[in-house]
Amino acid sequence: MEAGWYQEMVIVPDPGNINRFYIFCAGIAQPVVGLYYSIVDLSFNGGLGKVVQKNVQLRNDTICDGVTAVRHGNGRDWWVIARSWKSTY
């Protein structure tokens, strides 16, 4: 098995704002399950950034195999992919 195959978090740029990044995180253990995102804006604190939105829940089911992202074919947008634990059985 290759090290690092499982990731609970992925960071993608905001296509509409070069200073903002989305952090998508999989909650994999009770009571925090599901898919969440937070937004970091690097235009604050001299470029160090600040969390401007935190732990917004997108899904409330258990996530299996973590979360990943791939760039859309248009070269600008991103697809964030997470698989529900329920889909594995």
N, C-alpha and C. Protein backbone atom coordinates (compact mmCIF):
# COMPACT_ATOMS: atom_id res chain seq x y z
N MET A 1 0.84 -1.18 0.00
CA MET A 1 0.00 0.00 0.00
C MET A 1 0.89 1.24 0.00
N GLU A 2 0.54 2.18 -0.82
CA GLU A 2 1.31 3.42 -0.94
C GLU A 2 0.97 4.36 0.20
N ALA A 3 1.97 4.99 0.79
CA ALA A 3 1.75 5.96 1.87
C ALA A 3 1.06 7.20 1.33
N GLY A 4 0.17 7.74 2.13
CA GLY A 4 -0.49 8.98 1.75
C GLY A 4 -1.67 8.82 0.81
N TRP A 5 -2.23 7.62 0.68
CA TRP A 5 -3.33 7.41 -0.26
C TRP A 5 -4.64 8.00 0.25
N TYR A 6 -4.77 8.14 1.54
CA TYR A 6 -6.02 8.63 2.12
C TYR A 6 -5.86 10.08 2.55
N GLN A 7 -6.75 10.94 2.12
CA GLN A 7 -6.67 12.32 2.58
C GLN A 7 -8.04 12.79 3.03
N GLU A 8 -8.07 13.41 4.19
CA GLU A 8 -9.32 13.91 4.76
C GLU A 8 -9.56 15.35 4.38
N MET A 9 -8.61 15.99 3.67
CA MET A 9 -8.73 17.40 3.38
C MET A 9 -8.11 17.71 2.03
N VAL A 10 -8.69 18.69 1.33
CA VAL A 10 -8.14 19.15 0.06
C VAL A 10 -8.38 20.66 -0.01
N ILE A 11 -7.43 21.37 -0.59
CA ILE A 11 -7.52 22.83 -0.73
C ILE A 11 -7.57 23.18 -2.21
N VAL A 12 -8.57 23.99 -2.58
CA VAL A 12 -8.69 24.42 -3.97
C VAL A 12 -8.86 25.94 -4.02
N PRO A 13 -8.36 26.57 -5.07
CA PRO A 13 -8.51 28.02 -5.19
C PRO A 13 -9.94 28.40 -5.56
N ASP A 14 -10.35 29.58 -5.14
CA ASP A 14 -11.64 30.13 -5.53
C ASP A 14 -11.49 30.66 -6.95
N PRO A 15 -12.24 30.14 -7.91
CA PRO A 15 -12.09 30.58 -9.30
C PRO A 15 -12.39 32.06 -9.51
N GLY A 16 -13.15 32.67 -8.61
CA GLY A 16 -13.53 34.06 -8.77
C GLY A 16 -12.73 35.05 -7.95
N ASN A 17 -11.77 34.55 -7.13
CA ASN A 17 -11.00 35.45 -6.27
C ASN A 17 -9.63 34.82 -6.01
N ILE A 18 -8.58 35.43 -6.53
CA ILE A 18 -7.23 34.83 -6.41
C ILE A 18 -6.71 34.81 -4.99
N ASN A 19 -7.34 35.55 -4.08
CA ASN A 19 -6.90 35.57 -2.69
C ASN A 19 -7.62 34.56 -1.80
N ARG A 20 -8.63 33.90 -2.33
CA ARG A 20 -9.43 32.98 -1.50
C ARG A 20 -9.20 31.53 -1.90
N PHE A 21 -9.22 30.69 -0.87
CA PHE A 21 -9.08 29.25 -1.05
C PHE A 21 -10.13 28.53 -0.22
N TYR A 22 -10.66 27.44 -0.79
CA TYR A 22 -11.61 26.59 -0.10
C TYR A 22 -10.85 25.40 0.49
N ILE A 23 -11.14 25.09 1.72
CA ILE A 23 -10.60 23.90 2.37
C ILE A 23 -11.76 22.96 2.59
N PHE A 24 -11.76 21.83 1.89
CA PHE A 24 -12.80 20.82 2.03
C PHE A 24 -12.27 19.74 2.96
N CYS A 25 -13.09 19.34 3.92
CA CYS A 25 -12.66 18.39 4.94
C CYS A 25 -13.72 17.34 5.15
N ALA A 26 -13.29 16.09 5.24
CA ALA A 26 -14.20 14.97 5.51
C ALA A 26 -14.23 14.70 7.00
N GLY A 27 -15.41 14.77 7.58
CA GLY A 27 -15.60 14.35 8.96
C GLY A 27 -15.89 12.86 8.94
N ILE A 28 -15.00 12.07 9.50
CA ILE A 28 -15.11 10.61 9.33
C ILE A 28 -15.46 9.86 10.60
N ALA A 29 -15.56 10.55 11.73
CA ALA A 29 -15.85 9.86 12.98
C ALA A 29 -17.01 10.56 13.71
N GLN A 30 -17.84 9.76 14.35
CA GLN A 30 -18.96 10.32 15.11
C GLN A 30 -18.41 11.21 16.21
N PRO A 31 -19.01 12.31 16.57
CA PRO A 31 -20.28 12.79 16.04
C PRO A 31 -20.11 13.72 14.82
N VAL A 32 -18.89 13.94 14.38
CA VAL A 32 -18.65 14.86 13.26
C VAL A 32 -18.44 14.05 11.98
N VAL A 33 -19.51 13.88 11.22
CA VAL A 33 -19.43 13.17 9.96
C VAL A 33 -19.92 14.10 8.85
N GLY A 34 -19.53 13.79 7.64
CA GLY A 34 -19.99 14.57 6.50
C GLY A 34 -18.86 15.27 5.78
N LEU A 35 -19.25 16.18 4.92
CA LEU A 35 -18.29 16.97 4.14
C LEU A 35 -18.49 18.43 4.50
N TYR A 36 -17.39 19.10 4.84
CA TYR A 36 -17.42 20.48 5.29
C TYR A 36 -16.46 21.31 4.44
N TYR A 37 -16.70 22.63 4.43
CA TYR A 37 -15.72 23.51 3.82
C TYR A 37 -15.53 24.75 4.67
N SER A 38 -14.34 25.32 4.57
CA SER A 38 -14.01 26.60 5.17
C SER A 38 -13.36 27.44 4.08
N ILE A 39 -13.39 28.76 4.24
CA ILE A 39 -12.78 29.66 3.27
C ILE A 39 -11.70 30.47 3.96
N VAL A 40 -10.51 30.49 3.35
CA VAL A 40 -9.39 31.29 3.83
C VAL A 40 -9.13 32.39 2.81
N ASP A 41 -9.02 33.63 3.31
CA ASP A 41 -8.75 34.79 2.46
C ASP A 41 -7.36 35.32 2.78
N LEU A 42 -6.45 35.22 1.80
CA LEU A 42 -5.06 35.63 2.00
C LEU A 42 -4.84 37.13 1.91
N SER A 43 -5.87 37.90 1.66
CA SER A 43 -5.70 39.35 1.60
C SER A 43 -5.65 39.97 2.99
N PHE A 44 -5.89 39.17 4.02
CA PHE A 44 -5.82 39.65 5.41
C PHE A 44 -4.46 39.35 6.03
N ASN A 45 -4.13 40.05 7.10
CA ASN A 45 -2.94 39.80 7.92
C ASN A 45 -1.64 39.81 7.12
N GLY A 46 -1.51 40.78 6.22
CA GLY A 46 -0.27 40.91 5.46
C GLY A 46 0.04 39.71 4.58
N GLY A 47 -0.98 39.04 4.08
CA GLY A 47 -0.79 37.89 3.21
C GLY A 47 -0.80 36.56 3.92
N LEU A 48 -0.84 36.55 5.25
CA LEU A 48 -0.89 35.30 6.00
C LEU A 48 -2.29 34.69 5.97
N GLY A 49 -3.29 35.53 5.78
CA GLY A 49 -4.65 35.05 5.62
C GLY A 49 -5.45 34.99 6.90
N LYS A 50 -6.74 34.75 6.69
CA LYS A 50 -7.69 34.65 7.79
C LYS A 50 -8.84 33.75 7.33
N VAL A 51 -9.34 32.96 8.25
CA VAL A 51 -10.51 32.14 7.97
C VAL A 51 -11.74 33.06 8.00
N VAL A 52 -12.44 33.16 6.87
CA VAL A 52 -13.59 34.06 6.79
C VAL A 52 -14.91 33.31 6.87
N GLN A 53 -14.88 32.00 6.68
CA GLN A 53 -16.06 31.16 6.86
C GLN A 53 -15.55 29.80 7.30
N LYS A 54 -16.20 29.20 8.31
CA LYS A 54 -15.63 28.00 8.89
C LYS A 54 -16.67 26.89 9.07
N ASN A 55 -16.27 25.68 8.66
CA ASN A 55 -17.04 24.45 8.91
C ASN A 55 -18.48 24.51 8.43
N VAL A 56 -18.66 24.85 7.17
CA VAL A 56 -19.99 24.84 6.55
C VAL A 56 -20.24 23.42 6.06
N GLN A 57 -21.32 22.80 6.53
CA GLN A 57 -21.59 21.41 6.18
C GLN A 57 -22.28 21.31 4.83
N LEU A 58 -21.70 20.48 3.95
CA LEU A 58 -22.28 20.21 2.63
C LEU A 58 -23.03 18.88 2.60
N ARG A 59 -22.53 17.90 3.34
CA ARG A 59 -23.15 16.57 3.42
C ARG A 59 -23.13 16.13 4.87
N ASN A 60 -24.11 15.29 5.24
CA ASN A 60 -24.16 14.85 6.64
C ASN A 60 -24.06 13.33 6.79
N ASP A 61 -23.50 12.67 5.77
CA ASP A 61 -23.30 11.23 5.87
C ASP A 61 -21.80 10.94 6.05
N THR A 62 -21.47 9.73 6.44
CA THR A 62 -20.08 9.37 6.67
C THR A 62 -19.34 9.27 5.34
N ILE A 63 -18.19 9.90 5.25
CA ILE A 63 -17.38 9.91 4.03
C ILE A 63 -16.37 8.77 4.08
N CYS A 64 -16.24 8.07 2.97
CA CYS A 64 -15.32 6.94 2.84
C CYS A 64 -14.21 7.32 1.87
N ASP A 65 -13.00 6.89 2.14
CA ASP A 65 -11.85 7.12 1.25
C ASP A 65 -11.47 8.59 1.12
N GLY A 66 -11.92 9.42 2.02
CA GLY A 66 -11.49 10.81 2.03
C GLY A 66 -12.14 11.66 0.96
N VAL A 67 -11.42 12.71 0.58
CA VAL A 67 -11.93 13.70 -0.36
C VAL A 67 -10.80 14.11 -1.29
N THR A 68 -11.13 14.40 -2.53
CA THR A 68 -10.12 14.82 -3.49
C THR A 68 -10.73 15.86 -4.43
N ALA A 69 -9.91 16.47 -5.25
CA ALA A 69 -10.38 17.47 -6.20
C ALA A 69 -9.61 17.34 -7.50
N VAL A 70 -10.30 17.63 -8.59
CA VAL A 70 -9.66 17.65 -9.91
C VAL A 70 -10.11 18.91 -10.64
N ARG A 71 -9.21 19.44 -11.43
CA ARG A 71 -9.54 20.64 -12.19
C ARG A 71 -10.52 20.31 -13.31
N HIS A 72 -11.50 21.15 -13.46
CA HIS A 72 -12.51 21.01 -14.52
C HIS A 72 -11.84 21.20 -15.88
N GLY A 73 -12.42 20.67 -16.90
CA GLY A 73 -11.89 20.79 -18.26
C GLY A 73 -11.79 22.22 -18.75
N ASN A 74 -12.54 23.16 -18.13
CA ASN A 74 -12.45 24.55 -18.55
C ASN A 74 -11.20 25.25 -18.00
N GLY A 75 -10.41 24.54 -17.17
CA GLY A 75 -9.16 25.08 -16.65
C GLY A 75 -9.32 26.09 -15.54
N ARG A 76 -10.54 26.37 -15.13
CA ARG A 76 -10.78 27.38 -14.11
C ARG A 76 -11.45 26.80 -12.86
N ASP A 77 -12.47 26.01 -13.06
CA ASP A 77 -13.26 25.47 -11.96
C ASP A 77 -12.68 24.15 -11.46
N TRP A 78 -13.22 23.66 -10.34
CA TRP A 78 -12.76 22.43 -9.72
C TRP A 78 -13.94 21.52 -9.40
N TRP A 79 -13.71 20.22 -9.49
CA TRP A 79 -14.65 19.21 -9.03
C TRP A 79 -14.11 18.68 -7.70
N VAL A 80 -14.93 18.70 -6.68
CA VAL A 80 -14.56 18.11 -5.39
C VAL A 80 -15.33 16.81 -5.27
N ILE A 81 -14.60 15.74 -4.98
CA ILE A 81 -15.18 14.40 -4.99
C ILE A 81 -15.05 13.77 -3.60
N ALA A 82 -16.17 13.29 -3.09
CA ALA A 82 -16.19 12.56 -1.83
C ALA A 82 -17.19 11.42 -1.99
N ARG A 83 -16.88 10.27 -1.42
CA ARG A 83 -17.76 9.11 -1.57
C ARG A 83 -18.40 8.77 -0.22
N SER A 84 -19.68 8.54 -0.24
CA SER A 84 -20.41 8.18 0.95
C SER A 84 -20.04 6.77 1.40
N TRP A 85 -19.92 6.56 2.69
CA TRP A 85 -19.64 5.23 3.24
C TRP A 85 -20.74 4.26 2.81
N LYS A 86 -21.99 4.75 2.73
CA LYS A 86 -23.13 3.90 2.37
C LYS A 86 -23.00 3.33 0.97
N SER A 87 -22.27 4.00 0.09
CA SER A 87 -22.15 3.50 -1.29
C SER A 87 -21.15 2.36 -1.40
N THR A 88 -20.46 2.01 -0.32
CA THR A 88 -19.46 0.95 -0.40
C THR A 88 -20.01 -0.43 -0.05
N TYR A 89 -21.26 -0.49 0.35
CA TYR A 89 -21.85 -1.81 0.66
C TYR A 89 -23.24 -1.91 0.11
